[in-house]
Amino acid sequence: MISVSINDFLYIISFLVSPVVALAIFIARKDANIRWFLMVLLTAELVDEAMHDTALSWGEMYYIFGMASNALIITLILFRKYTASYFAHGFMSSENNFFKRAYKGYKFKLQEGGIIGLCVISFFICLGSVIEGILYKSWVIDSLPYRDFVYSPVQTILHLLTAVAAITLALNSQQKKGKLT
């Protein structure tokens, strides 16, 4: 029998978003707007996951990395229309129709707002952890209860909700196009 601790489970869940977003890209493959959004989200998540173990070794800076990662995801999502325009007209070949379709078909979806909201919450969860660390190092508090009991479970819930929002976005895009019954 395999024994999995709660910390191992939380660690595994933190890497769930990328495979779910990859599946969502496959589901929404015919909708350039949704696919571009999911590709941007997947890129940011992969960078975050690739740096995770390295960032863990940074100690206190891990939580600042979490804040920066969330700020990056929010920025990439908010400016994805303009990056699609850049790729369509300048950087990439003018023959690439995907970025033109993503730019022209841009529509801000409810799930995108939800994912941005989840990133904002995650940003402030990381900020709370940074503040707690500063208070601990300044001898204002004697322990780190927020980090020990709140941080990991809340981040896990946020990761799960992000995965659910991504897959819901993909399924809704196909349902509205009549591709999914």
C-alpha atoms as a PDB file:
ATOM      1  CA  MET A   1       0.000   0.000   0.000  1.00  0.00           C
ATOM      2  CA  ILE A   2       1.245   3.455  -0.896  1.00  0.00           C
ATOM      3  CA  SER A   3       1.386   5.943   1.923  1.00  0.00           C
ATOM      4  CA  VAL A   4       0.885   9.552   0.892  1.00  0.00           C
ATOM      5  CA  SER A   5       1.104  12.336   3.427  1.00  0.00           C
ATOM      6  CA  ILE A   6      -1.048  15.431   3.208  1.00  0.00           C
ATOM      7  CA  ASN A   7       2.033  17.460   2.236  1.00  0.00           C
ATOM      8  CA  ASP A   8       2.793  15.035  -0.609  1.00  0.00           C
ATOM      9  CA  PHE A   9      -0.813  15.308  -1.770  1.00  0.00           C
ATOM     10  CA  LEU A  10      -0.700  19.117  -1.700  1.00  0.00           C
ATOM     11  CA  TYR A  11       2.591  19.055  -3.615  1.00  0.00           C
ATOM     12  CA  ILE A  12       1.117  16.796  -6.318  1.00  0.00           C
ATOM     13  CA  ILE A  13      -1.999  18.956  -6.660  1.00  0.00           C
ATOM     14  CA  SER A  14       0.157  22.049  -7.196  1.00  0.00           C
ATOM     15  CA  PHE A  15       1.324  20.521 -10.501  1.00  0.00           C
ATOM     16  CA  LEU A  16      -2.182  19.615 -11.680  1.00  0.00           C
ATOM     17  CA  VAL A  17      -2.910  22.857 -13.502  1.00  0.00           C
ATOM     18  CA  SER A  18      -0.554  22.340 -16.476  1.00  0.00           C
ATOM     19  CA  PRO A  19      -1.911  18.943 -17.598  1.00  0.00           C
ATOM     20  CA  VAL A  20      -5.485  20.186 -17.210  1.00  0.00           C
ATOM     21  CA  VAL A  21      -4.726  23.325 -19.231  1.00  0.00           C
ATOM     22  CA  ALA A  22      -3.058  21.180 -21.912  1.00  0.00           C
ATOM     23  CA  LEU A  23      -6.227  19.073 -22.066  1.00  0.00           C
ATOM     24  CA  ALA A  24      -8.301  22.253 -22.239  1.00  0.00           C
ATOM     25  CA  ILE A  25      -6.193  23.457 -25.201  1.00  0.00           C
ATOM     26  CA  PHE A  26      -6.997  20.220 -26.972  1.00  0.00           C
ATOM     27  CA  ILE A  27     -10.713  20.590 -26.223  1.00  0.00           C
ATOM     28  CA  ALA A  28     -10.788  24.229 -27.399  1.00  0.00           C
ATOM     29  CA  ARG A  29      -8.521  23.674 -30.392  1.00  0.00           C
ATOM     30  CA  LYS A  30     -11.009  25.242 -32.842  1.00  0.00           C
ATOM     31  CA  ASP A  31     -11.474  28.502 -30.891  1.00  0.00           C
ATOM     32  CA  ALA A  32      -8.426  30.736 -31.416  1.00  0.00           C
ATOM     33  CA  ASN A  33      -9.393  33.162 -28.645  1.00  0.00           C
ATOM     34  CA  ILE A  34      -9.717  30.484 -25.958  1.00  0.00           C
ATOM     35  CA  ARG A  35      -6.761  28.510 -27.249  1.00  0.00           C
ATOM     36  CA  TRP A  36      -4.518  31.595 -27.134  1.00  0.00           C
ATOM     37  CA  PHE A  37      -5.658  32.361 -23.582  1.00  0.00           C
ATOM     38  CA  LEU A  38      -4.961  28.780 -22.517  1.00  0.00           C
ATOM     39  CA  MET A  39      -1.568  28.790 -24.261  1.00  0.00           C
ATOM     40  CA  VAL A  40      -0.608  31.956 -22.374  1.00  0.00           C
ATOM     41  CA  LEU A  41      -1.789  30.410 -19.101  1.00  0.00           C
ATOM     42  CA  LEU A  42       0.052  27.155 -19.824  1.00  0.00           C
ATOM     43  CA  THR A  43       3.281  29.003 -20.602  1.00  0.00           C
ATOM     44  CA  ALA A  44       3.108  30.935 -17.338  1.00  0.00           C
ATOM     45  CA  GLU A  45       2.254  27.774 -15.374  1.00  0.00           C
ATOM     46  CA  LEU A  46       5.130  25.829 -16.940  1.00  0.00           C
ATOM     47  CA  VAL A  47       7.601  28.578 -16.039  1.00  0.00           C
ATOM     48  CA  ASP A  48       6.192  28.598 -12.506  1.00  0.00           C
ATOM     49  CA  GLU A  49       6.450  24.806 -12.210  1.00  0.00           C
ATOM     50  CA  ALA A  50       9.956  24.695 -13.690  1.00  0.00           C
ATOM     51  CA  MET A  51      11.169  27.226 -11.134  1.00  0.00           C
ATOM     52  CA  HIS A  52       9.262  25.759  -8.168  1.00  0.00           C
ATOM     53  CA  ASP A  53      11.980  23.540  -6.700  1.00  0.00           C
ATOM     54  CA  THR A  54      14.641  26.189  -7.244  1.00  0.00           C
ATOM     55  CA  ALA A  55      12.449  28.831  -5.631  1.00  0.00           C
ATOM     56  CA  LEU A  56      11.836  26.564  -2.627  1.00  0.00           C
ATOM     57  CA  SER A  57      15.568  26.660  -1.903  1.00  0.00           C
ATOM     58  CA  TRP A  58      15.470  30.471  -1.731  1.00  0.00           C
ATOM     59  CA  GLY A  59      13.832  30.487   1.699  1.00  0.00           C
ATOM     60  CA  GLU A  60      11.896  33.688   2.284  1.00  0.00           C
ATOM     61  CA  MET A  61      12.254  34.676  -1.369  1.00  0.00           C
ATOM     62  CA  TYR A  62      10.030  31.725  -2.340  1.00  0.00           C
ATOM     63  CA  TYR A  63       6.951  33.705  -1.352  1.00  0.00           C
ATOM     64  CA  ILE A  64       8.163  36.765  -3.244  1.00  0.00           C
ATOM     65  CA  PHE A  65       8.669  34.473  -6.254  1.00  0.00           C
ATOM     66  CA  GLY A  66       5.037  33.384  -5.794  1.00  0.00           C
ATOM     67  CA  MET A  67       3.933  37.007  -5.859  1.00  0.00           C
ATOM     68  CA  ALA A  68       5.998  37.682  -8.989  1.00  0.00           C
ATOM     69  CA  SER A  69       4.650  34.547 -10.661  1.00  0.00           C
ATOM     70  CA  ASN A  70       1.059  35.602 -10.018  1.00  0.00           C
ATOM     71  CA  ALA A  71       1.788  39.134 -11.244  1.00  0.00           C
ATOM     72  CA  LEU A  72       3.293  37.632 -14.423  1.00  0.00           C
ATOM     73  CA  ILE A  73       0.227  35.459 -15.050  1.00  0.00           C
ATOM     74  CA  ILE A  74      -2.114  38.427 -14.550  1.00  0.00           C
ATOM     75  CA  THR A  75      -0.027  40.626 -16.854  1.00  0.00           C
ATOM     76  CA  LEU A  76       0.172  37.988 -19.588  1.00  0.00           C
ATOM     77  CA  ILE A  77      -3.581  37.411 -19.444  1.00  0.00           C
ATOM     78  CA  LEU A  78      -4.463  41.103 -19.491  1.00  0.00           C
ATOM     79  CA  PHE A  79      -2.111  41.870 -22.393  1.00  0.00           C
ATOM     80  CA  ARG A  80      -2.681  38.728 -24.447  1.00  0.00           C
ATOM     81  CA  LYS A  81      -4.682  40.586 -27.086  1.00  0.00           C
ATOM     82  CA  TYR A  82      -1.731  42.885 -27.690  1.00  0.00           C
ATOM     83  CA  THR A  83       0.785  40.042 -27.738  1.00  0.00           C
ATOM     84  CA  ALA A  84      -1.388  38.267 -30.312  1.00  0.00           C
ATOM     85  CA  SER A  85      -1.361  41.455 -32.396  1.00  0.00           C
ATOM     86  CA  TYR A  86       2.421  41.661 -32.050  1.00  0.00           C
ATOM     87  CA  PHE A  87       2.854  38.063 -33.169  1.00  0.00           C
ATOM     88  CA  ALA A  88       0.353  38.506 -36.009  1.00  0.00           C
ATOM     89  CA  HIS A  89       1.810  41.713 -37.444  1.00  0.00           C
ATOM     90  CA  GLY A  90       5.417  41.885 -36.498  1.00  0.00           C
ATOM     91  CA  PHE A  91       7.352  39.165 -34.826  1.00  0.00           C
ATOM     92  CA  MET A  92       5.854  36.134 -36.554  1.00  0.00           C
ATOM     93  CA  SER A  93       5.208  35.556 -40.224  1.00  0.00           C
ATOM     94  CA  SER A  94       2.317  37.493 -41.705  1.00  0.00           C
ATOM     95  CA  GLU A  95       1.067  34.196 -43.088  1.00  0.00           C
ATOM     96  CA  ASN A  96       0.202  32.922 -39.612  1.00  0.00           C
ATOM     97  CA  ASN A  97      -3.564  33.203 -39.312  1.00  0.00           C
ATOM     98  CA  PHE A  98      -3.810  31.890 -35.746  1.00  0.00           C
ATOM     99  CA  PHE A  99      -2.615  35.098 -34.100  1.00  0.00           C
ATOM    100  CA  LYS A 100      -4.803  37.214 -36.386  1.00  0.00           C
ATOM    101  CA  ARG A 101      -7.832  35.138 -35.410  1.00  0.00           C
ATOM    102  CA  ALA A 102      -6.867  35.342 -31.733  1.00  0.00           C
ATOM    103  CA  TYR A 103      -6.508  39.122 -31.980  1.00  0.00           C
ATOM    104  CA  LYS A 104      -9.692  39.749 -33.951  1.00  0.00           C
ATOM    105  CA  GLY A 105     -11.741  37.208 -32.001  1.00  0.00           C
ATOM    106  CA  TYR A 106     -10.635  38.485 -28.604  1.00  0.00           C
ATOM    107  CA  LYS A 107     -13.416  38.355 -26.022  1.00  0.00           C
ATOM    108  CA  PHE A 108     -12.850  38.553 -22.304  1.00  0.00           C
ATOM    109  CA  LYS A 109     -14.572  35.551 -20.716  1.00  0.00           C
ATOM    110  CA  LEU A 110     -15.942  35.115 -17.207  1.00  0.00           C
ATOM    111  CA  GLN A 111     -13.482  32.292 -16.468  1.00  0.00           C
ATOM    112  CA  GLU A 112     -10.585  34.554 -17.424  1.00  0.00           C
ATOM    113  CA  GLY A 113     -11.752  37.029 -14.829  1.00  0.00           C
ATOM    114  CA  GLY A 114     -12.047  34.158 -12.376  1.00  0.00           C
ATOM    115  CA  ILE A 115      -8.483  33.029 -13.043  1.00  0.00           C
ATOM    116  CA  ILE A 116      -7.245  36.595 -12.644  1.00  0.00           C
ATOM    117  CA  GLY A 117      -9.173  36.782  -9.362  1.00  0.00           C
ATOM    118  CA  LEU A 118      -7.588  33.529  -8.188  1.00  0.00           C
ATOM    119  CA  CYS A 119      -4.141  34.914  -9.051  1.00  0.00           C
ATOM    120  CA  VAL A 120      -4.890  38.090  -7.089  1.00  0.00           C
ATOM    121  CA  ILE A 121      -5.942  36.001  -4.082  1.00  0.00           C
ATOM    122  CA  SER A 122      -2.791  33.896  -4.432  1.00  0.00           C
ATOM    123  CA  PHE A 123      -0.695  37.067  -4.626  1.00  0.00           C
ATOM    124  CA  PHE A 124      -2.121  38.272  -1.328  1.00  0.00           C
ATOM    125  CA  ILE A 125      -1.731  34.837   0.271  1.00  0.00           C
ATOM    126  CA  CYS A 126       1.981  35.019  -0.635  1.00  0.00           C
ATOM    127  CA  LEU A 127       2.164  38.593   0.645  1.00  0.00           C
ATOM    128  CA  GLY A 128       0.661  37.472   3.960  1.00  0.00           C
ATOM    129  CA  SER A 129       3.352  34.837   4.212  1.00  0.00           C
ATOM    130  CA  VAL A 130       6.074  37.404   3.516  1.00  0.00           C
ATOM    131  CA  ILE A 131       4.668  39.705   6.200  1.00  0.00           C
ATOM    132  CA  GLU A 132       4.492  36.812   8.659  1.00  0.00           C
ATOM    133  CA  GLY A 133       8.123  35.963   7.892  1.00  0.00           C
ATOM    134  CA  ILE A 134       9.197  39.554   8.497  1.00  0.00           C
ATOM    135  CA  LEU A 135       7.314  39.611  11.803  1.00  0.00           C
ATOM    136  CA  TYR A 136       8.923  36.321  12.807  1.00  0.00           C
ATOM    137  CA  LYS A 137      12.441  37.475  11.948  1.00  0.00           C
ATOM    138  CA  SER A 138      11.791  40.737  13.831  1.00  0.00           C
ATOM    139  CA  TRP A 139      10.830  38.752  16.944  1.00  0.00           C
ATOM    140  CA  VAL A 140       7.294  40.170  16.913  1.00  0.00           C
ATOM    141  CA  ILE A 141       5.770  36.678  16.706  1.00  0.00           C
ATOM    142  CA  ASP A 142       7.139  33.343  17.940  1.00  0.00           C
ATOM    143  CA  SER A 143       5.828  30.944  15.287  1.00  0.00           C
ATOM    144  CA  LEU A 144       4.594  30.790  11.706  1.00  0.00           C
ATOM    145  CA  PRO A 145       0.987  29.527  12.012  1.00  0.00           C
ATOM    146  CA  TYR A 146      -0.151  31.137   8.766  1.00  0.00           C
ATOM    147  CA  ARG A 147       2.533  29.332   6.754  1.00  0.00           C
ATOM    148  CA  ASP A 148       2.109  26.112   8.689  1.00  0.00           C
ATOM    149  CA  PHE A 149      -1.684  25.827   8.532  1.00  0.00           C
ATOM    150  CA  VAL A 150      -3.112  28.227   5.940  1.00  0.00           C
ATOM    151  CA  TYR A 151      -0.689  28.773   3.049  1.00  0.00           C
ATOM    152  CA  SER A 152      -0.481  25.290   1.490  1.00  0.00           C
ATOM    153  CA  PRO A 153      -4.171  24.331   1.752  1.00  0.00           C
ATOM    154  CA  VAL A 154      -5.334  27.666   0.335  1.00  0.00           C
ATOM    155  CA  GLN A 155      -2.818  27.499  -2.533  1.00  0.00           C
ATOM    156  CA  THR A 156      -3.982  23.957  -3.282  1.00  0.00           C
ATOM    157  CA  ILE A 157      -7.600  25.082  -3.447  1.00  0.00           C
ATOM    158  CA  LEU A 158      -6.611  27.956  -5.739  1.00  0.00           C
ATOM    159  CA  HIS A 159      -4.750  25.544  -8.044  1.00  0.00           C
ATOM    160  CA  LEU A 160      -7.774  23.255  -8.196  1.00  0.00           C
ATOM    161  CA  LEU A 161     -10.098  26.166  -8.951  1.00  0.00           C
ATOM    162  CA  THR A 162      -7.755  27.386 -11.698  1.00  0.00           C
ATOM    163  CA  ALA A 163      -7.804  23.927 -13.285  1.00  0.00           C
ATOM    164  CA  VAL A 164     -11.609  23.805 -13.053  1.00  0.00           C
ATOM    165  CA  ALA A 165     -11.919  27.295 -14.587  1.00  0.00           C
ATOM    166  CA  ALA A 166      -9.609  26.364 -17.483  1.00  0.00           C
ATOM    167  CA  ILE A 167     -11.463  23.167 -18.334  1.00  0.00           C
ATOM    168  CA  THR A 168     -14.838  24.906 -17.936  1.00  0.00           C
ATOM    169  CA  LEU A 169     -13.714  27.650 -20.308  1.00  0.00           C
ATOM    170  CA  ALA A 170     -12.719  25.079 -22.928  1.00  0.00           C
ATOM    171  CA  LEU A 171     -15.918  23.083 -22.552  1.00  0.00           C
ATOM    172  CA  ASN A 172     -18.097  26.209 -22.726  1.00  0.00           C
ATOM    173  CA  SER A 173     -16.348  27.378 -25.881  1.00  0.00           C
ATOM    174  CA  GLN A 174     -17.108  24.099 -27.606  1.00  0.00           C
ATOM    175  CA  GLN A 175     -20.649  23.888 -26.287  1.00  0.00           C
ATOM    176  CA  LYS A 176     -21.475  27.337 -27.677  1.00  0.00           C
ATOM    177  CA  LYS A 177     -20.108  26.337 -31.071  1.00  0.00           C
ATOM    178  CA  GLY A 178     -22.277  23.226 -31.088  1.00  0.00           C
ATOM    179  CA  LYS A 179     -19.288  20.880 -30.920  1.00  0.00           C
ATOM    180  CA  LEU A 180     -20.166  19.404 -27.551  1.00  0.00           C
ATOM    181  CA  THR A 181     -23.556  18.088 -26.554  1.00  0.00           C
END
